Amino acid sequence: MILSVLALLFGYLCGSIPFGLILTSLSGVGNLRAVGSGNIGATNVLRTGRKDLAAATLLLDLAKGAAAVLIVSFIATRRLPPLAAWPPAPVLAAALGAFLGHIYPVWLGFKGGKGVATYLGCLLAVAWPAGLAFIAAWLSTAFVSRYSSLSALVAAALTPAVLVGLHQTGAAMLFAGMSALIFWKHRENIARLKAGTETKIGKT
């Protein structure tokens, strides 16, 4: 229990690093909070016109989730997270912490991003086949619809079922909750999708 709590806190600290905000500030782009939605994720960084910074933010937000899980796994088990029905509790705690840290970073008044990239990083570290399935679902939905938000929602909705299919019961339960939070964070996007006013990929 103590190790799981420590893993949750460690994951939270990793996840709460606002790479999008840091990169845009260091590059002289300006205050990311004053751009678009004000979120700290790659999609909003892209609205600054800097595709390179958006790509770097995406990779770093993904990496911080994966790193939190892998580091805790090595400390707790001296190996990568096992593809088992119930991964060690500290591993799942680290994933949850990293995800919550990105969405609710203490350094930014608990106002962060929507968590998709960090979710994916955690997923790849916990169960890489499910992570690849997430990427495939995102890309196929984006190809057909041209909506980034819809792609994320479809991929997040499918993830728990994929994990169940992989006999990853514990991870499935955790990521079901995380997927629900992604839907909550995308509630404005969902409203715009219903109204037909959501911005498509490549549009401003």
Protein backbone atom coordinates (compact mmCIF):
# COMPACT_ATOMS: atom_id res chain seq x y z
CA MET A 1 0.00 0.00 0.00
CA ILE A 2 2.78 2.45 0.92
CA LEU A 3 4.64 1.70 -2.31
CA SER A 4 1.45 2.24 -4.32
CA VAL A 5 0.87 5.63 -2.67
CA LEU A 6 4.46 6.63 -3.36
CA ALA A 7 4.07 5.43 -6.96
CA LEU A 8 0.91 7.50 -7.33
CA LEU A 9 2.70 10.60 -6.06
CA PHE A 10 5.75 9.96 -8.25
CA GLY A 11 3.54 9.46 -11.28
CA TYR A 12 1.65 12.64 -10.47
CA LEU A 13 4.88 14.67 -10.29
CA CYS A 14 6.02 13.26 -13.63
CA GLY A 15 2.68 13.87 -15.27
CA SER A 16 2.38 17.41 -13.93
CA ILE A 17 5.43 18.66 -15.88
CA PRO A 18 3.80 21.10 -18.37
CA PHE A 19 6.02 20.49 -21.37
CA GLY A 20 3.79 22.42 -23.76
CA LEU A 21 3.93 25.50 -21.58
CA ILE A 22 7.68 25.15 -21.02
CA LEU A 23 8.52 24.70 -24.70
CA THR A 24 6.40 27.60 -25.91
CA SER A 25 7.79 29.88 -23.20
CA LEU A 26 11.41 28.97 -23.96
CA SER A 27 10.90 29.41 -27.70
CA GLY A 28 9.43 32.89 -27.29
CA VAL A 29 6.04 31.95 -28.73
CA GLY A 30 4.30 33.57 -25.79
CA ASN A 31 1.81 32.52 -23.18
CA LEU A 32 0.19 29.25 -24.25
CA ARG A 33 -2.63 29.95 -21.81
CA ALA A 34 -3.70 32.86 -24.01
CA VAL A 35 -3.89 30.71 -27.13
CA GLY A 36 -6.91 28.76 -28.31
CA SER A 37 -8.38 26.64 -25.54
CA GLY A 38 -5.61 27.58 -23.11
CA ASN A 39 -4.75 23.90 -22.60
CA ILE A 40 -1.13 22.79 -22.26
CA GLY A 41 -1.32 19.86 -24.69
CA ALA A 42 0.05 19.38 -28.20
CA THR A 43 -3.21 20.28 -29.96
CA ASN A 44 -3.21 23.74 -28.43
CA VAL A 45 0.53 24.17 -29.02
CA LEU A 46 -0.20 23.51 -32.70
CA ARG A 47 -2.46 26.57 -32.70
CA THR A 48 0.65 28.73 -32.16
CA GLY A 49 1.74 27.77 -35.65
CA ARG A 50 4.75 25.81 -34.43
CA LYS A 51 4.39 22.24 -35.65
CA ASP A 52 7.81 21.37 -34.27
CA LEU A 53 6.84 22.43 -30.77
CA ALA A 54 3.53 20.60 -31.06
CA ALA A 55 5.31 17.39 -32.07
CA ALA A 56 7.83 17.77 -29.25
CA THR A 57 5.03 18.37 -26.75
CA LEU A 58 3.18 15.28 -27.95
CA LEU A 59 6.26 13.10 -27.57
CA LEU A 60 7.23 14.50 -24.18
CA ASP A 61 3.70 14.24 -22.79
CA LEU A 62 3.61 10.65 -23.98
CA ALA A 63 7.08 9.96 -22.61
CA LYS A 64 6.34 11.27 -19.12
CA GLY A 65 3.47 8.83 -18.74
CA ALA A 66 5.54 5.92 -20.01
CA ALA A 67 8.55 6.91 -17.91
CA ALA A 68 6.54 7.08 -14.69
CA VAL A 69 5.19 3.57 -15.25
CA LEU A 70 8.50 2.03 -16.34
CA ILE A 71 10.54 3.58 -13.54
CA VAL A 72 8.09 2.40 -10.89
CA SER A 73 7.96 -1.04 -12.47
CA PHE A 74 11.75 -1.39 -12.33
CA ILE A 75 11.82 -0.23 -8.72
CA ALA A 76 8.96 -2.51 -7.65
CA THR A 77 9.66 -5.62 -9.73
CA ARG A 78 13.06 -5.09 -11.43
CA ARG A 79 11.43 -5.66 -14.79
CA LEU A 80 9.04 -4.17 -17.31
CA PRO A 81 5.33 -4.22 -16.47
CA PRO A 82 4.15 -7.81 -17.01
CA LEU A 83 1.39 -8.58 -19.47
CA ALA A 84 -0.69 -10.12 -16.70
CA ALA A 85 -4.33 -9.95 -15.66
CA TRP A 86 -3.39 -7.90 -12.62
CA PRO A 87 -0.15 -5.88 -13.00
CA PRO A 88 1.45 -4.88 -9.68
CA ALA A 89 -0.59 -2.22 -7.92
CA PRO A 90 2.27 0.33 -7.88
CA VAL A 91 2.50 0.12 -11.69
CA LEU A 92 -1.17 0.95 -12.12
CA ALA A 93 -0.90 3.65 -9.44
CA ALA A 94 1.96 5.29 -11.35
CA ALA A 95 -0.12 5.30 -14.53
CA LEU A 96 -3.07 6.89 -12.77
CA GLY A 97 -0.84 9.45 -11.09
CA ALA A 98 0.83 10.51 -14.33
CA PHE A 99 -2.53 10.87 -16.06
CA LEU A 100 -4.02 12.94 -13.25
CA GLY A 101 -0.86 15.02 -13.00
CA HIS A 102 -1.17 16.12 -16.61
CA ILE A 103 -4.85 16.98 -16.32
CA TYR A 104 -4.66 18.58 -12.88
CA PRO A 105 -1.09 19.91 -12.33
CA VAL A 106 -0.68 21.56 -8.95
CA TRP A 107 1.78 24.06 -10.45
CA LEU A 108 -0.91 25.47 -12.75
CA GLY A 109 -3.80 25.68 -10.33
CA PHE A 110 -4.95 22.18 -11.31
CA LYS A 111 -5.73 23.36 -14.86
CA GLY A 112 -3.80 21.25 -17.34
CA GLY A 113 -4.48 19.40 -20.56
CA LYS A 114 -6.94 16.73 -21.63
CA GLY A 115 -4.56 13.85 -21.04
CA VAL A 116 -4.67 11.92 -24.32
CA ALA A 117 -0.92 11.75 -24.99
CA THR A 118 -0.09 10.91 -21.38
CA TYR A 119 -2.87 8.29 -21.37
CA LEU A 120 -1.27 6.72 -24.43
CA GLY A 121 2.19 6.78 -22.87
CA CYS A 122 0.90 5.01 -19.78
CA LEU A 123 -0.98 2.51 -21.93
CA LEU A 124 2.08 1.66 -24.03
CA ALA A 125 4.09 1.05 -20.87
CA VAL A 126 1.43 -1.05 -19.14
CA ALA A 127 0.27 -3.07 -22.18
CA TRP A 128 1.99 -2.13 -25.42
CA PRO A 129 -0.38 -4.18 -27.67
CA ALA A 130 -3.28 -2.10 -26.36
CA GLY A 131 -1.23 1.04 -26.98
CA LEU A 132 -0.70 0.03 -30.60
CA ALA A 133 -4.44 -0.63 -30.91
CA PHE A 134 -5.10 2.87 -29.53
CA ILE A 135 -2.81 4.39 -32.16
CA ALA A 136 -4.47 2.37 -34.93
CA ALA A 137 -7.95 3.45 -33.79
CA TRP A 138 -6.86 7.09 -33.55
CA LEU A 139 -5.26 7.12 -37.00
CA SER A 140 -8.13 5.34 -38.75
CA THR A 141 -10.75 7.60 -37.16
CA ALA A 142 -8.72 10.69 -37.96
CA PHE A 143 -8.28 9.56 -41.58
CA VAL A 144 -12.03 9.16 -42.01
CA SER A 145 -13.37 12.05 -39.92
CA ARG A 146 -10.48 14.56 -39.77
CA TYR A 147 -11.42 15.27 -36.15
CA SER A 148 -8.65 14.93 -33.56
CA SER A 149 -11.08 15.00 -30.65
CA LEU A 150 -13.33 12.29 -32.11
CA SER A 151 -10.27 10.15 -32.83
CA ALA A 152 -9.16 10.40 -29.20
CA LEU A 153 -12.64 9.59 -27.92
CA VAL A 154 -13.04 6.53 -30.15
CA ALA A 155 -9.59 5.21 -29.22
CA ALA A 156 -10.19 5.81 -25.49
CA ALA A 157 -13.59 4.13 -25.65
CA LEU A 158 -12.14 1.02 -27.30
CA THR A 159 -9.15 0.68 -24.99
CA PRO A 160 -10.85 -1.05 -22.02
CA ALA A 161 -12.36 -3.64 -24.37
CA VAL A 162 -8.97 -4.25 -25.97
CA LEU A 163 -7.42 -4.74 -22.54
CA VAL A 164 -10.14 -7.20 -21.58
CA GLY A 165 -9.42 -9.07 -24.80
CA LEU A 166 -5.78 -9.21 -23.75
CA HIS A 167 -6.87 -10.62 -20.35
CA GLN A 168 -5.58 -7.45 -18.65
CA THR A 169 -8.48 -7.15 -16.22
CA GLY A 170 -6.82 -4.81 -13.74
CA ALA A 171 -5.54 -2.47 -16.42
CA ALA A 172 -8.95 -2.55 -18.14
CA MET A 173 -10.65 -1.32 -14.98
CA LEU A 174 -8.11 1.47 -14.49
CA PHE A 175 -8.18 2.66 -18.08
CA ALA A 176 -11.98 2.53 -18.17
CA GLY A 177 -11.95 5.16 -15.43
CA MET A 178 -9.27 7.15 -17.22
CA SER A 179 -11.26 6.96 -20.47
CA ALA A 180 -14.31 8.30 -18.66
CA LEU A 181 -12.24 11.28 -17.51
CA ILE A 182 -11.05 11.87 -21.07
CA PHE A 183 -14.69 12.02 -22.16
CA TRP A 184 -15.40 14.50 -19.36
CA LYS A 185 -12.46 16.69 -20.40
CA HIS A 186 -13.72 16.60 -23.98
CA ARG A 187 -17.30 17.53 -23.13
CA GLU A 188 -17.03 20.86 -24.99
CA ASN A 189 -15.58 19.08 -28.03
CA ILE A 190 -18.44 16.58 -27.89
CA ALA A 191 -20.94 19.44 -27.89
CA ARG A 192 -19.22 20.98 -30.93
CA LEU A 193 -19.15 17.63 -32.71
CA LYS A 194 -22.89 17.32 -32.19
CA ALA A 195 -23.41 20.87 -33.45
CA GLY A 196 -21.09 20.35 -36.43
CA THR A 197 -18.82 23.20 -35.37
CA GLU A 198 -15.76 21.23 -34.22
CA THR A 199 -12.52 22.24 -35.96
CA LYS A 200 -11.04 19.60 -38.24
CA ILE A 201 -7.38 18.60 -38.35
CA GLY A 202 -5.37 21.11 -40.37
CA LYS A 203 -7.91 23.87 -39.90
CA THR A 204 -7.51 26.86 -37.56
